[in-house]
């Protein structure tokens, strides 16, 4: 990583994200073509493909020696290597985009040695830009406003257990089978009263975008984000931002404190002066012996 100019790479990624945001904002979801991958809720649009083409062209022209992996060009069986690799989701939150719900983003990550090194996430509707470089901190930027270091709170509160937590979750595109059943059961256990065996979290939230969920945890606006079934391009950029904001990414299944980028099951925890380890273990206890399995 020493021979990479991470600051220059970040700056180009930010420029690309802003330009991709213009393409997205100029797209009319009601008039563009859509297709599906897994089922009727696993949607890909012409805008996804157009943005990924823009992103891949710009990044490859600027950094021809860096590999590229994007959601719309991924082929089953492909694995990320040790070499520096751009890991890109052109529109994370496509379902929101199709419905004109303004919670979607461009998610651009750089992985080195299969670990996140740069993260850039941009929501063009709300003009929210999240950025991080490994070892240099994480920031939230709005145009014409000075960048704010993440987390947003100057003195983050301790994590005091699930009963005081705001937790992000997503239904995902697979709506049957063992993984779906585990998710529904965990959602119920998180929300239910302690008298009925639940954790009674403050509430559950779904932004409809893995990248934006992780960014919100990094900002300290949510305490946890549990996800199963997403891919490395959904989490790479956010993972870097989360860790640089003092947060932690562990496996969404119990027992793994150091998951791979391609784990597909994740638990993001916000930065806090205390309580990270304890709330992770409490969450894992909600799953018990259950484990999500998204083996390809």
C-alpha atoms as a PDB file:
ATOM      1  CA  UNK A   1       0.000   0.000   0.000  1.00  0.00           C
ATOM      2  CA  UNK A   2       2.988   2.264   0.541  1.00  0.00           C
ATOM      3  CA  UNK A   3       3.428   2.856  -3.208  1.00  0.00           C
ATOM      4  CA  UNK A   4      -0.205   3.951  -3.668  1.00  0.00           C
ATOM      5  CA  UNK A   5      -1.088   7.638  -3.468  1.00  0.00           C
ATOM      6  CA  UNK A   6      -4.251   7.081  -1.474  1.00  0.00           C
ATOM      7  CA  UNK A   7      -5.093  10.767  -1.250  1.00  0.00           C
ATOM      8  CA  UNK A   8      -4.978  11.188  -5.028  1.00  0.00           C
ATOM      9  CA  UNK A   9      -7.015   8.029  -5.515  1.00  0.00           C
ATOM     10  CA  UNK A  10      -9.596   9.284  -3.002  1.00  0.00           C
ATOM     11  CA  UNK A  11      -9.824  12.635  -4.777  1.00  0.00           C
ATOM     12  CA  UNK A  12     -10.478  10.974  -8.140  1.00  0.00           C
ATOM     13  CA  UNK A  13     -13.050   8.653  -6.567  1.00  0.00           C
ATOM     14  CA  UNK A  14     -14.853  11.678  -5.095  1.00  0.00           C
ATOM     15  CA  UNK A  15     -14.890  13.417  -8.482  1.00  0.00           C
ATOM     16  CA  UNK A  16     -16.266  10.264 -10.104  1.00  0.00           C
ATOM     17  CA  UNK A  17     -18.936   9.939  -7.392  1.00  0.00           C
ATOM     18  CA  UNK A  18     -20.111  13.505  -7.956  1.00  0.00           C
ATOM     19  CA  UNK A  19     -20.301  12.967 -11.722  1.00  0.00           C
ATOM     20  CA  UNK A  20     -22.160   9.686 -11.231  1.00  0.00           C
ATOM     21  CA  UNK A  21     -24.557  11.534  -8.964  1.00  0.00           C
ATOM     22  CA  UNK A  22     -25.409  13.917 -11.805  1.00  0.00           C
ATOM     23  CA  UNK A  23     -26.208  10.945 -14.054  1.00  0.00           C
ATOM     24  CA  UNK A  24     -28.466   9.458 -11.391  1.00  0.00           C
ATOM     25  CA  UNK A  25     -30.284  12.732 -10.705  1.00  0.00           C
ATOM     26  CA  UNK A  26     -30.860  13.233 -14.421  1.00  0.00           C
ATOM     27  CA  UNK A  27     -32.380   9.757 -14.750  1.00  0.00           C
ATOM     28  CA  UNK A  28     -36.150   9.390 -14.645  1.00  0.00           C
ATOM     29  CA  UNK A  29     -36.929   6.105 -12.891  1.00  0.00           C
ATOM     30  CA  UNK A  30     -40.408   6.073 -14.401  1.00  0.00           C
ATOM     31  CA  UNK A  31     -39.073   6.017 -17.957  1.00  0.00           C
ATOM     32  CA  UNK A  32     -35.932   3.867 -17.801  1.00  0.00           C
ATOM     33  CA  UNK A  33     -35.789   0.166 -18.441  1.00  0.00           C
ATOM     34  CA  UNK A  34     -35.494  -2.324 -15.598  1.00  0.00           C
ATOM     35  CA  UNK A  35     -34.598  -5.966 -15.335  1.00  0.00           C
ATOM     36  CA  UNK A  36     -34.353  -8.467 -12.496  1.00  0.00           C
ATOM     37  CA  UNK A  37     -31.571 -10.783 -11.351  1.00  0.00           C
ATOM     38  CA  UNK A  38     -32.873 -13.091  -8.614  1.00  0.00           C
ATOM     39  CA  UNK A  39     -36.569 -12.196  -8.446  1.00  0.00           C
ATOM     40  CA  UNK A  40     -38.992  -9.277  -8.750  1.00  0.00           C
ATOM     41  CA  UNK A  41     -37.341  -7.322  -5.912  1.00  0.00           C
ATOM     42  CA  UNK A  42     -33.734  -7.855  -7.051  1.00  0.00           C
ATOM     43  CA  UNK A  43     -33.772  -5.046  -9.574  1.00  0.00           C
ATOM     44  CA  UNK A  44     -31.174  -3.711 -12.003  1.00  0.00           C
ATOM     45  CA  UNK A  45     -31.826  -0.640 -14.147  1.00  0.00           C
ATOM     46  CA  UNK A  46     -30.305   0.939 -17.209  1.00  0.00           C
ATOM     47  CA  UNK A  47     -29.051   3.642 -14.852  1.00  0.00           C
ATOM     48  CA  UNK A  48     -27.071   1.071 -12.820  1.00  0.00           C
ATOM     49  CA  UNK A  49     -25.312  -0.090 -15.967  1.00  0.00           C
ATOM     50  CA  UNK A  50     -24.732   3.453 -17.252  1.00  0.00           C
ATOM     51  CA  UNK A  51     -23.244   4.603 -13.943  1.00  0.00           C
ATOM     52  CA  UNK A  52     -20.997   1.549 -13.638  1.00  0.00           C
ATOM     53  CA  UNK A  53     -19.719   2.136 -17.183  1.00  0.00           C
ATOM     54  CA  UNK A  54     -18.935   5.765 -16.284  1.00  0.00           C
ATOM     55  CA  UNK A  55     -17.227   4.769 -13.039  1.00  0.00           C
ATOM     56  CA  UNK A  56     -15.204   1.915 -14.505  1.00  0.00           C
ATOM     57  CA  UNK A  57     -14.060   3.996 -17.496  1.00  0.00           C
ATOM     58  CA  UNK A  58     -12.944   6.922 -15.359  1.00  0.00           C
ATOM     59  CA  UNK A  59     -11.188   4.827 -12.740  1.00  0.00           C
ATOM     60  CA  UNK A  60      -9.455   2.583 -15.270  1.00  0.00           C
ATOM     61  CA  UNK A  61      -8.249   5.585 -17.272  1.00  0.00           C
ATOM     62  CA  UNK A  62      -6.873   7.226 -14.125  1.00  0.00           C
ATOM     63  CA  UNK A  63      -5.458   4.064 -12.524  1.00  0.00           C
ATOM     64  CA  UNK A  64      -4.899   1.373 -15.167  1.00  0.00           C
ATOM     65  CA  UNK A  65      -2.874  -0.799 -12.782  1.00  0.00           C
ATOM     66  CA  UNK A  66      -5.698  -1.133 -10.244  1.00  0.00           C
ATOM     67  CA  UNK A  67      -8.154  -3.997 -10.747  1.00  0.00           C
ATOM     68  CA  UNK A  68     -11.901  -3.421 -10.888  1.00  0.00           C
ATOM     69  CA  UNK A  69     -14.896  -5.337  -9.551  1.00  0.00           C
ATOM     70  CA  UNK A  70     -18.418  -3.969  -9.911  1.00  0.00           C
ATOM     71  CA  UNK A  71     -21.857  -5.300  -9.136  1.00  0.00           C
ATOM     72  CA  UNK A  72     -23.122  -5.177 -12.700  1.00  0.00           C
ATOM     73  CA  UNK A  73     -20.008  -6.783 -14.214  1.00  0.00           C
ATOM     74  CA  UNK A  74     -19.544  -9.481 -11.547  1.00  0.00           C
ATOM     75  CA  UNK A  75     -19.673 -13.086 -12.713  1.00  0.00           C
ATOM     76  CA  UNK A  76     -20.437 -16.021 -10.357  1.00  0.00           C
ATOM     77  CA  UNK A  77     -17.277 -17.464  -8.878  1.00  0.00           C
ATOM     78  CA  UNK A  78     -15.207 -14.290  -9.162  1.00  0.00           C
ATOM     79  CA  UNK A  79     -13.109 -13.565  -6.057  1.00  0.00           C
ATOM     80  CA  UNK A  80     -11.251 -10.460  -5.074  1.00  0.00           C
ATOM     81  CA  UNK A  81      -7.462 -10.812  -5.106  1.00  0.00           C
ATOM     82  CA  UNK A  82      -4.686  -9.385  -2.957  1.00  0.00           C
ATOM     83  CA  UNK A  83      -3.899  -6.688  -5.516  1.00  0.00           C
ATOM     84  CA  UNK A  84      -5.445  -3.206  -5.166  1.00  0.00           C
ATOM     85  CA  UNK A  85      -9.015  -3.437  -6.465  1.00  0.00           C
ATOM     86  CA  UNK A  86     -11.808  -0.921  -6.898  1.00  0.00           C
ATOM     87  CA  UNK A  87     -14.998  -2.444  -5.474  1.00  0.00           C
ATOM     88  CA  UNK A  88     -18.008  -0.579  -6.843  1.00  0.00           C
ATOM     89  CA  UNK A  89     -21.782  -0.497  -6.505  1.00  0.00           C
ATOM     90  CA  UNK A  90     -23.089   2.027  -9.059  1.00  0.00           C
ATOM     91  CA  UNK A  91     -26.448   2.475  -7.334  1.00  0.00           C
ATOM     92  CA  UNK A  92     -26.771   0.924  -3.894  1.00  0.00           C
ATOM     93  CA  UNK A  93     -30.464   1.088  -3.093  1.00  0.00           C
ATOM     94  CA  UNK A  94     -31.836   0.416  -6.579  1.00  0.00           C
ATOM     95  CA  UNK A  95     -35.302  -0.412  -5.249  1.00  0.00           C
ATOM     96  CA  UNK A  96     -35.463   3.007  -3.597  1.00  0.00           C
ATOM     97  CA  UNK A  97     -34.226   4.583  -6.837  1.00  0.00           C
ATOM     98  CA  UNK A  98     -36.925   2.859  -8.892  1.00  0.00           C
ATOM     99  CA  UNK A  99     -39.564   4.181  -6.477  1.00  0.00           C
ATOM    100  CA  UNK A 100     -38.009   7.697  -6.438  1.00  0.00           C
ATOM    101  CA  UNK A 101     -37.329   7.312  -2.716  1.00  0.00           C
ATOM    102  CA  UNK A 102     -34.243   9.479  -2.039  1.00  0.00           C
ATOM    103  CA  UNK A 103     -32.172   6.954  -0.106  1.00  0.00           C
ATOM    104  CA  UNK A 104     -29.671   5.481  -2.552  1.00  0.00           C
ATOM    105  CA  UNK A 105     -26.038   6.150  -3.296  1.00  0.00           C
ATOM    106  CA  UNK A 106     -22.899   5.518  -5.294  1.00  0.00           C
ATOM    107  CA  UNK A 107     -20.584   3.283  -3.265  1.00  0.00           C
ATOM    108  CA  UNK A 108     -16.900   3.273  -4.308  1.00  0.00           C
ATOM    109  CA  UNK A 109     -14.354   1.281  -2.341  1.00  0.00           C
ATOM    110  CA  UNK A 110     -10.700   0.443  -2.780  1.00  0.00           C
ATOM    111  CA  UNK A 111      -9.514  -2.826  -1.262  1.00  0.00           C
ATOM    112  CA  UNK A 112      -5.845  -3.716  -0.757  1.00  0.00           C
ATOM    113  CA  UNK A 113      -4.903  -7.197   0.437  1.00  0.00           C
ATOM    114  CA  UNK A 114      -8.645  -7.885   0.548  1.00  0.00           C
ATOM    115  CA  UNK A 115      -9.151  -5.175   3.203  1.00  0.00           C
ATOM    116  CA  UNK A 116     -10.920  -1.819   2.747  1.00  0.00           C
ATOM    117  CA  UNK A 117      -8.434   1.043   2.253  1.00  0.00           C
ATOM    118  CA  UNK A 118     -10.602   3.857   0.837  1.00  0.00           C
ATOM    119  CA  UNK A 119     -14.329   4.456   1.059  1.00  0.00           C
ATOM    120  CA  UNK A 120     -16.448   6.985  -0.844  1.00  0.00           C
ATOM    121  CA  UNK A 121     -20.243   6.988  -0.535  1.00  0.00           C
ATOM    122  CA  UNK A 122     -22.380   9.694  -2.113  1.00  0.00           C
ATOM    123  CA  UNK A 123     -26.143  10.201  -1.829  1.00  0.00           C
ATOM    124  CA  UNK A 124     -26.850  12.771  -4.566  1.00  0.00           C
ATOM    125  CA  UNK A 125     -30.442  13.497  -3.509  1.00  0.00           C
ATOM    126  CA  UNK A 126     -29.381  14.659  -0.057  1.00  0.00           C
ATOM    127  CA  UNK A 127     -25.881  15.771  -1.126  1.00  0.00           C
ATOM    128  CA  UNK A 128     -24.219  13.632   1.538  1.00  0.00           C
ATOM    129  CA  UNK A 129     -20.639  12.567   0.826  1.00  0.00           C
ATOM    130  CA  UNK A 130     -18.936  10.125   3.207  1.00  0.00           C
ATOM    131  CA  UNK A 131     -15.214   9.529   2.739  1.00  0.00           C
ATOM    132  CA  UNK A 132     -12.365   7.766   4.507  1.00  0.00           C
ATOM    133  CA  UNK A 133      -8.789   6.677   3.926  1.00  0.00           C
ATOM    134  CA  UNK A 134      -7.318   4.001   6.151  1.00  0.00           C
ATOM    135  CA  UNK A 135      -5.414   5.693   8.963  1.00  0.00           C
ATOM    136  CA  UNK A 136      -6.671   9.211   8.114  1.00  0.00           C
ATOM    137  CA  UNK A 137     -10.144   9.381   9.649  1.00  0.00           C
ATOM    138  CA  UNK A 138     -13.650   9.519   8.214  1.00  0.00           C
ATOM    139  CA  UNK A 139     -15.631  12.582   7.138  1.00  0.00           C
ATOM    140  CA  UNK A 140     -19.076  13.745   6.061  1.00  0.00           C
ATOM    141  CA  UNK A 141     -19.100  16.550   3.492  1.00  0.00           C
ATOM    142  CA  UNK A 142     -21.847  18.687   1.995  1.00  0.00           C
ATOM    143  CA  UNK A 143     -21.031  21.103  -0.819  1.00  0.00           C
ATOM    144  CA  UNK A 144     -19.894  24.514   0.445  1.00  0.00           C
ATOM    145  CA  UNK A 145     -19.804  23.261   4.042  1.00  0.00           C
ATOM    146  CA  UNK A 146     -16.611  22.304   5.830  1.00  0.00           C
ATOM    147  CA  UNK A 147     -16.146  18.526   6.230  1.00  0.00           C
ATOM    148  CA  UNK A 148     -17.313  17.079   9.545  1.00  0.00           C
ATOM    149  CA  UNK A 149     -15.271  14.337  11.177  1.00  0.00           C
ATOM    150  CA  UNK A 150     -17.132  11.138  11.986  1.00  0.00           C
ATOM    151  CA  UNK A 151     -18.678  10.242  14.291  1.00  0.00           C
ATOM    152  CA  UNK A 152     -20.675  13.463  14.362  1.00  0.00           C
ATOM    153  CA  UNK A 153     -20.883  13.565  18.161  1.00  0.00           C
ATOM    154  CA  UNK A 154     -17.820  15.105  19.796  1.00  0.00           C
ATOM    155  CA  UNK A 155     -18.213  12.705  22.737  1.00  0.00           C
ATOM    156  CA  UNK A 156     -19.991   9.522  21.588  1.00  0.00           C
ATOM    157  CA  UNK A 157     -22.144   7.829  24.187  1.00  0.00           C
ATOM    158  CA  UNK A 158     -21.202   4.391  25.516  1.00  0.00           C
ATOM    159  CA  UNK A 159     -23.092   1.486  24.018  1.00  0.00           C
ATOM    160  CA  UNK A 160     -25.444   0.345  26.755  1.00  0.00           C
ATOM    161  CA  UNK A 161     -26.942  -2.803  25.306  1.00  0.00           C
ATOM    162  CA  UNK A 162     -29.623  -3.686  22.797  1.00  0.00           C
ATOM    163  CA  UNK A 163     -32.355  -2.234  24.993  1.00  0.00           C
ATOM    164  CA  UNK A 164     -30.953   1.234  24.275  1.00  0.00           C
ATOM    165  CA  UNK A 165     -30.030   0.651  20.639  1.00  0.00           C
ATOM    166  CA  UNK A 166     -31.345   1.827  17.289  1.00  0.00           C
ATOM    167  CA  UNK A 167     -30.655  -1.060  14.911  1.00  0.00           C
ATOM    168  CA  UNK A 168     -30.570  -1.085  11.113  1.00  0.00           C
ATOM    169  CA  UNK A 169     -31.764  -4.202   9.291  1.00  0.00           C
ATOM    170  CA  UNK A 170     -32.879  -5.096   5.775  1.00  0.00           C
ATOM    171  CA  UNK A 171     -35.289  -7.704   4.431  1.00  0.00           C
ATOM    172  CA  UNK A 172     -33.105  -8.488   1.427  1.00  0.00           C
ATOM    173  CA  UNK A 173     -34.238  -9.911  -1.887  1.00  0.00           C
ATOM    174  CA  UNK A 174     -34.587 -13.568  -0.795  1.00  0.00           C
ATOM    175  CA  UNK A 175     -38.039 -13.870   0.762  1.00  0.00           C
ATOM    176  CA  UNK A 176     -38.241 -17.568   1.567  1.00  0.00           C
ATOM    177  CA  UNK A 177     -36.076 -20.389   2.871  1.00  0.00           C
ATOM    178  CA  UNK A 178     -33.929 -20.793   6.005  1.00  0.00           C
ATOM    179  CA  UNK A 179     -32.136 -17.430   5.811  1.00  0.00           C
ATOM    180  CA  UNK A 180     -35.418 -15.553   5.508  1.00  0.00           C
ATOM    181  CA  UNK A 181     -36.882 -17.476   8.432  1.00  0.00           C
ATOM    182  CA  UNK A 182     -33.848 -16.647  10.599  1.00  0.00           C
ATOM    183  CA  UNK A 183     -34.068 -12.964   9.691  1.00  0.00           C
ATOM    184  CA  UNK A 184     -37.749 -12.728  10.547  1.00  0.00           C
ATOM    185  CA  UNK A 185     -37.164 -14.512  13.857  1.00  0.00           C
ATOM    186  CA  UNK A 186     -34.255 -12.201  14.745  1.00  0.00           C
ATOM    187  CA  UNK A 187     -36.304  -9.121  13.861  1.00  0.00           C
ATOM    188  CA  UNK A 188     -39.049 -10.341  16.172  1.00  0.00           C
ATOM    189  CA  UNK A 189     -36.618 -11.121  18.996  1.00  0.00           C
ATOM    190  CA  UNK A 190     -34.978  -7.703  18.683  1.00  0.00           C
ATOM    191  CA  UNK A 191     -38.282  -5.844  18.770  1.00  0.00           C
ATOM    192  CA  UNK A 192     -40.233  -7.900  21.319  1.00  0.00           C
ATOM    193  CA  UNK A 193     -40.534  -6.987  24.996  1.00  0.00           C
ATOM    194  CA  UNK A 194     -38.121  -8.443  27.505  1.00  0.00           C
ATOM    195  CA  UNK A 195     -41.080 -10.051  29.252  1.00  0.00           C
ATOM    196  CA  UNK A 196     -41.654 -12.170  26.132  1.00  0.00           C
ATOM    197  CA  UNK A 197     -37.967 -12.996  25.651  1.00  0.00           C
ATOM    198  CA  UNK A 198     -37.078 -10.114  23.339  1.00  0.00           C
ATOM    199  CA  UNK A 199     -34.426  -7.393  23.487  1.00  0.00           C
ATOM    200  CA  UNK A 200     -36.876  -4.497  23.005  1.00  0.00           C
ATOM    201  CA  UNK A 201     -34.473  -2.342  21.021  1.00  0.00           C
ATOM    202  CA  UNK A 202     -35.502   1.293  20.664  1.00  0.00           C
ATOM    203  CA  UNK A 203     -36.504   0.516  17.075  1.00  0.00           C
ATOM    204  CA  UNK A 204     -35.483  -1.089  13.785  1.00  0.00           C
ATOM    205  CA  UNK A 205     -34.614   1.005  10.718  1.00  0.00           C
ATOM    206  CA  UNK A 206     -34.200   0.160   7.029  1.00  0.00           C
ATOM    207  CA  UNK A 207     -32.621   2.772   4.763  1.00  0.00           C
ATOM    208  CA  UNK A 208     -32.767   0.398   1.797  1.00  0.00           C
ATOM    209  CA  UNK A 209     -29.025   0.690   1.128  1.00  0.00           C
ATOM    210  CA  UNK A 210     -26.306  -1.295   2.867  1.00  0.00           C
ATOM    211  CA  UNK A 211     -23.761   1.462   2.227  1.00  0.00           C
ATOM    212  CA  UNK A 212     -25.989   4.163   3.725  1.00  0.00           C
ATOM    213  CA  UNK A 213     -26.858   1.953   6.695  1.00  0.00           C
ATOM    214  CA  UNK A 214     -23.148   1.494   7.441  1.00  0.00           C
ATOM    215  CA  UNK A 215     -22.479   5.205   6.906  1.00  0.00           C
ATOM    216  CA  UNK A 216     -25.215   6.048   9.403  1.00  0.00           C
ATOM    217  CA  UNK A 217     -23.627   3.722  11.956  1.00  0.00           C
ATOM    218  CA  UNK A 218     -20.253   5.358  11.287  1.00  0.00           C
ATOM    219  CA  UNK A 219     -21.843   8.784  11.832  1.00  0.00           C
ATOM    220  CA  UNK A 220     -23.276   7.584  15.146  1.00  0.00           C
ATOM    221  CA  UNK A 221     -26.875   8.002  13.990  1.00  0.00           C
ATOM    222  CA  UNK A 222     -27.561   4.285  14.455  1.00  0.00           C
ATOM    223  CA  UNK A 223     -25.916   1.899  16.869  1.00  0.00           C
ATOM    224  CA  UNK A 224     -25.810  -1.340  14.851  1.00  0.00           C
ATOM    225  CA  UNK A 225     -26.483  -2.678  11.396  1.00  0.00           C
ATOM    226  CA  UNK A 226     -27.056  -6.404  10.879  1.00  0.00           C
ATOM    227  CA  UNK A 227     -27.069  -7.740   7.348  1.00  0.00           C
ATOM    228  CA  UNK A 228     -27.008 -11.045   5.547  1.00  0.00           C
ATOM    229  CA  UNK A 229     -26.930 -11.622   1.805  1.00  0.00           C
ATOM    230  CA  UNK A 230     -25.250  -8.455   0.581  1.00  0.00           C
ATOM    231  CA  UNK A 231     -21.966  -8.439  -1.313  1.00  0.00           C
ATOM    232  CA  UNK A 232     -18.527  -6.896  -0.946  1.00  0.00           C
ATOM    233  CA  UNK A 233     -19.426  -3.960  -3.217  1.00  0.00           C
ATOM    234  CA  UNK A 234     -22.266  -3.156  -0.806  1.00  0.00           C
ATOM    235  CA  UNK A 235     -19.952  -2.963   2.217  1.00  0.00           C
ATOM    236  CA  UNK A 236     -16.368  -2.205   1.116  1.00  0.00           C
ATOM    237  CA  UNK A 237     -16.615   1.597   1.103  1.00  0.00           C
ATOM    238  CA  UNK A 238     -18.757   1.737   4.231  1.00  0.00           C
ATOM    239  CA  UNK A 239     -16.473  -0.664   6.078  1.00  0.00           C
ATOM    240  CA  UNK A 240     -13.510   1.689   5.652  1.00  0.00           C
ATOM    241  CA  UNK A 241     -15.597   4.683   6.747  1.00  0.00           C
ATOM    242  CA  UNK A 242     -16.925   2.768   9.758  1.00  0.00           C
ATOM    243  CA  UNK A 243     -13.509   1.691  11.027  1.00  0.00           C
ATOM    244  CA  UNK A 244     -12.034   5.165  10.546  1.00  0.00           C
ATOM    245  CA  UNK A 245     -14.926   6.538  12.622  1.00  0.00           C
ATOM    246  CA  UNK A 246     -14.005   4.215  15.494  1.00  0.00           C
ATOM    247  CA  UNK A 247     -16.591   1.585  14.626  1.00  0.00           C
ATOM    248  CA  UNK A 248     -16.133  -2.099  14.148  1.00  0.00           C
ATOM    249  CA  UNK A 249     -17.237  -4.656  11.580  1.00  0.00           C
ATOM    250  CA  UNK A 250     -17.691  -8.227  12.774  1.00  0.00           C
ATOM    251  CA  UNK A 251     -19.454 -11.214  11.315  1.00  0.00           C
ATOM    252  CA  UNK A 252     -23.232 -11.184  11.508  1.00  0.00           C
ATOM    253  CA  UNK A 253     -23.037 -14.826  12.560  1.00  0.00           C
ATOM    254  CA  UNK A 254     -21.773 -15.571  16.076  1.00  0.00           C
ATOM    255  CA  UNK A 255     -18.099 -16.046  16.857  1.00  0.00           C
ATOM    256  CA  UNK A 256     -16.151 -14.341  14.057  1.00  0.00           C
ATOM    257  CA  UNK A 257     -14.547 -11.059  15.134  1.00  0.00           C
ATOM    258  CA  UNK A 258     -12.500 -10.604  11.944  1.00  0.00           C
ATOM    259  CA  UNK A 259     -14.651 -11.427   8.891  1.00  0.00           C
ATOM    260  CA  UNK A 260     -13.468 -11.437   5.303  1.00  0.00           C
ATOM    261  CA  UNK A 261     -14.625  -8.728   2.938  1.00  0.00           C
ATOM    262  CA  UNK A 262     -16.595 -11.411   1.083  1.00  0.00           C
ATOM    263  CA  UNK A 263     -18.240 -12.848   4.225  1.00  0.00           C
ATOM    264  CA  UNK A 264     -21.741 -11.774   3.058  1.00  0.00           C
ATOM    265  CA  UNK A 265     -22.977 -11.661   6.685  1.00  0.00           C
ATOM    266  CA  UNK A 266     -22.023  -8.580   8.677  1.00  0.00           C
ATOM    267  CA  UNK A 267     -22.624  -6.697  11.912  1.00  0.00           C
ATOM    268  CA  UNK A 268     -21.509  -3.047  11.990  1.00  0.00           C
ATOM    269  CA  UNK A 269     -21.131  -1.368  15.390  1.00  0.00           C
ATOM    270  CA  UNK A 270     -20.686   2.356  15.924  1.00  0.00           C
ATOM    271  CA  UNK A 271     -17.708   3.890  17.652  1.00  0.00           C
ATOM    272  CA  UNK A 272     -18.094   4.209  21.412  1.00  0.00           C
ATOM    273  CA  UNK A 273     -15.874   4.626  24.477  1.00  0.00           C
ATOM    274  CA  UNK A 274     -17.197   1.326  25.836  1.00  0.00           C
ATOM    275  CA  UNK A 275     -19.701  -1.413  25.136  1.00  0.00           C
ATOM    276  CA  UNK A 276     -18.751  -2.552  21.631  1.00  0.00           C
ATOM    277  CA  UNK A 277     -17.710  -6.067  22.602  1.00  0.00           C
ATOM    278  CA  UNK A 278     -20.635  -6.471  24.984  1.00  0.00           C
ATOM    279  CA  UNK A 279     -23.306  -5.414  22.484  1.00  0.00           C
ATOM    280  CA  UNK A 280     -21.842  -7.678  19.790  1.00  0.00           C
ATOM    281  CA  UNK A 281     -21.999 -10.651  22.145  1.00  0.00           C
ATOM    282  CA  UNK A 282     -25.539  -9.697  23.192  1.00  0.00           C
ATOM    283  CA  UNK A 283     -26.582  -9.556  19.537  1.00  0.00           C
ATOM    284  CA  UNK A 284     -24.954 -12.888  18.776  1.00  0.00           C
ATOM    285  CA  UNK A 285     -26.906 -14.374  21.689  1.00  0.00           C
ATOM    286  CA  UNK A 286     -30.124 -13.324  19.943  1.00  0.00           C
ATOM    287  CA  UNK A 287     -29.170 -15.622  17.065  1.00  0.00           C
ATOM    288  CA  UNK A 288     -28.245 -18.467  19.395  1.00  0.00           C
ATOM    289  CA  UNK A 289     -27.293 -21.498  17.311  1.00  0.00           C
ATOM    290  CA  UNK A 290     -28.752 -20.037  14.116  1.00  0.00           C
ATOM    291  CA  UNK A 291     -26.423 -18.986  11.302  1.00  0.00           C
ATOM    292  CA  UNK A 292     -27.177 -17.286   8.017  1.00  0.00           C
ATOM    293  CA  UNK A 293     -25.636 -19.128   5.069  1.00  0.00           C
ATOM    294  CA  UNK A 294     -25.136 -17.407   1.724  1.00  0.00           C
ATOM    295  CA  UNK A 295     -22.549 -19.779   0.330  1.00  0.00           C
ATOM    296  CA  UNK A 296     -22.412 -19.469  -3.448  1.00  0.00           C
END
